[in-house]
Protein backbone atom coordinates (compact mmCIF):
# COMPACT_ATOMS: atom_id res chain seq x y z
CA MET A 1 3.34 -18.00 -29.81
CA THR A 2 1.36 -20.21 -27.52
CA ILE A 3 0.48 -23.80 -26.88
CA LYS A 4 -3.13 -24.85 -27.37
CA TRP A 5 -4.44 -27.53 -24.98
CA ARG A 6 -6.53 -30.05 -26.92
CA LEU A 7 -7.75 -32.43 -24.19
CA SER A 8 -11.38 -31.44 -24.62
CA ALA A 9 -11.23 -31.86 -28.41
CA LEU A 10 -9.44 -35.20 -28.09
CA MET A 11 -12.02 -36.47 -25.60
CA ALA A 12 -14.81 -35.43 -27.98
CA GLU A 13 -13.11 -37.21 -30.90
CA ARG A 14 -12.77 -40.37 -28.82
CA GLY A 15 -16.29 -40.08 -27.38
CA CYS A 16 -14.89 -40.16 -23.87
CA SER A 17 -16.71 -38.59 -20.89
CA ASN A 18 -15.15 -37.09 -17.78
CA LYS A 19 -16.26 -40.09 -15.75
CA GLU A 20 -14.76 -42.61 -18.19
CA LEU A 21 -11.44 -40.76 -18.34
CA ALA A 22 -11.38 -40.37 -14.56
CA THR A 23 -11.85 -44.12 -14.16
CA ALA A 24 -9.16 -44.92 -16.75
CA THR A 25 -6.60 -42.52 -15.23
CA ASP A 26 -7.45 -42.93 -11.53
CA PHE A 27 -8.03 -39.19 -11.30
CA HIS A 28 -11.05 -37.56 -9.69
CA GLU A 29 -13.76 -36.32 -12.06
CA VAL A 30 -13.22 -32.74 -10.84
CA THR A 31 -9.54 -33.02 -11.78
CA ILE A 32 -10.48 -34.20 -15.26
CA SER A 33 -12.96 -31.32 -15.57
CA LYS A 34 -10.27 -28.79 -14.62
CA LEU A 35 -7.75 -30.38 -16.99
CA ARG A 36 -10.33 -30.34 -19.77
CA LYS A 37 -11.01 -26.61 -19.40
CA GLU A 38 -7.43 -25.39 -19.55
CA MET A 39 -3.87 -26.60 -19.71
CA PRO A 40 -2.25 -26.71 -16.28
CA ASP A 41 0.70 -24.41 -15.63
CA ARG A 42 2.73 -27.43 -14.61
CA LEU A 43 2.09 -30.78 -16.25
CA GLU A 44 3.78 -33.71 -14.56
CA LYS A 45 5.11 -36.62 -16.57
CA VAL A 46 2.89 -39.08 -14.66
CA THR A 47 -0.23 -37.06 -15.51
CA LEU A 48 0.71 -36.82 -19.17
CA ASP A 49 1.52 -40.54 -19.25
CA LYS A 50 -1.87 -41.49 -17.74
CA LEU A 51 -3.79 -39.21 -20.13
CA CYS A 52 -1.93 -40.54 -23.18
CA HIS A 53 -2.38 -44.15 -22.07
CA ALA A 54 -6.12 -43.71 -21.39
CA LEU A 55 -6.78 -41.86 -24.66
CA ASN A 56 -4.34 -43.96 -26.71
CA CYS A 57 -2.58 -40.88 -28.06
CA GLN A 58 0.79 -39.14 -28.17
CA PRO A 59 1.66 -36.05 -26.06
CA GLY A 60 1.67 -34.03 -29.27
CA ASP A 61 -1.99 -34.91 -29.76
CA LEU A 62 -2.83 -33.18 -26.47
CA MET A 63 -0.81 -30.05 -27.21
CA GLN A 64 -0.58 -27.96 -30.35
CA TRP A 65 1.82 -25.11 -30.93
CA VAL A 66 0.03 -22.11 -32.42
CA GLY A 67 2.20 -19.79 -34.52
CA SER A 68 2.22 -16.01 -34.46
CA GLU A 69 -0.32 -15.63 -37.33
CA GLU A 70 -2.92 -17.73 -35.53
CA THR A 71 -2.14 -16.03 -32.22
CA LYS A 72 -3.10 -12.60 -33.57
CA SER A 73 -6.62 -13.77 -34.37
CA ALA A 74 -6.98 -15.68 -31.11
CA LYS A 75 -8.68 -14.38 -27.97
CA PRO A 76 -6.74 -11.83 -25.90
CA SER A 77 -4.55 -13.28 -23.20
CA PRO A 78 -6.11 -13.62 -19.75
CA GLU A 79 -3.71 -10.99 -18.35
CA LYS A 80 -5.43 -8.27 -20.38
CA THR A 81 -9.05 -8.99 -19.53
CA PRO A 82 -11.06 -6.36 -17.59
CA ARG A 83 -11.38 -8.77 -14.69
CA GLN A 84 -7.63 -8.83 -14.31
CA ARG A 85 -7.43 -5.04 -14.55
CA GLY A 86 -9.95 -4.86 -11.72
CA SER A 87 -7.52 -6.75 -9.52
CA ILE A 88 -5.36 -3.61 -9.33
CA TYR A 89 -8.14 -1.91 -7.41
CA GLN A 90 -8.70 -5.02 -5.36
CA SER A 91 -5.05 -4.96 -4.32
CA LYS A 92 -5.40 -1.33 -3.19
CA ASN A 93 -8.41 -2.34 -1.10
CA THR A 94 -6.47 -5.31 0.23
CA ARG A 95 -3.61 -3.04 1.29
CA ALA A 96 -6.04 -0.74 3.09
CA LEU A 97 -7.69 -3.69 4.86
CA ARG A 98 -4.32 -5.09 5.91
CA ALA A 99 -3.26 -1.71 7.29
CA LYS A 100 -6.50 -1.45 9.27
CA ALA A 101 -6.07 -5.02 10.59
CA THR A 102 -2.50 -4.24 11.69
CA GLU A 103 -3.68 -1.07 13.43
CA THR A 104 -6.46 -2.96 15.20
CA ARG A 105 -4.10 -5.77 16.20
CA SER A 106 -1.64 -3.24 17.64
CA GLN A 107 -4.42 -1.58 19.64
CA VAL A 108 -5.55 -4.94 21.05
CA TRP A 109 -2.01 -5.76 22.15
CA GLU A 110 -1.67 -2.38 23.82
CA ASP A 111 -4.92 -2.98 25.70
CA LEU A 112 -3.71 -6.41 26.80
CA ARG A 113 -0.42 -5.01 28.10
CA LYS A 114 -2.14 -2.53 30.40
CA PRO A 115 -2.32 -3.68 34.00
CA LEU A 116 -5.57 -5.28 34.95
CA GLN A 117 -7.54 -3.09 37.30
CA ILE A 118 -10.11 -4.75 39.51
CA LYS A 119 -12.54 -2.56 41.41
CA ALA A 120 -13.40 -3.85 44.83
CA ASP A 121 -17.11 -4.14 45.52
CA ASP A 122 -18.52 -3.51 48.96
CA THR A 123 -20.82 -6.48 48.61
CA SER A 124 -19.62 -9.86 49.69
CA ILE A 125 -20.79 -13.24 48.65
CA THR A 126 -22.18 -15.39 51.42
């Protein structure tokens, strides 16, 4: 079960561009573009209210519940894409980089704690 975000389809039905919707909602065009591509994880009431007012629609027009039959034929969830699987290896690399950074930072602090040794030169400034 999932919820399908229909903002893009609704904008197309209404013949509304990103710029027009941005002007009507007082959102930035980039925000509208991001909202159009995918449903946000957290949708505030104010945002939903502005979108519904600008598009003259109900919240149910923006969202559609997709049942289990339709979900099976839908695209795989983003968690199972190869790009996401690659992040496992990225996290291993990240851990290695963090360990190296900690080691380097410790070495720098040790060097800073050593007493400063100044060698006296025989030459004097005149």
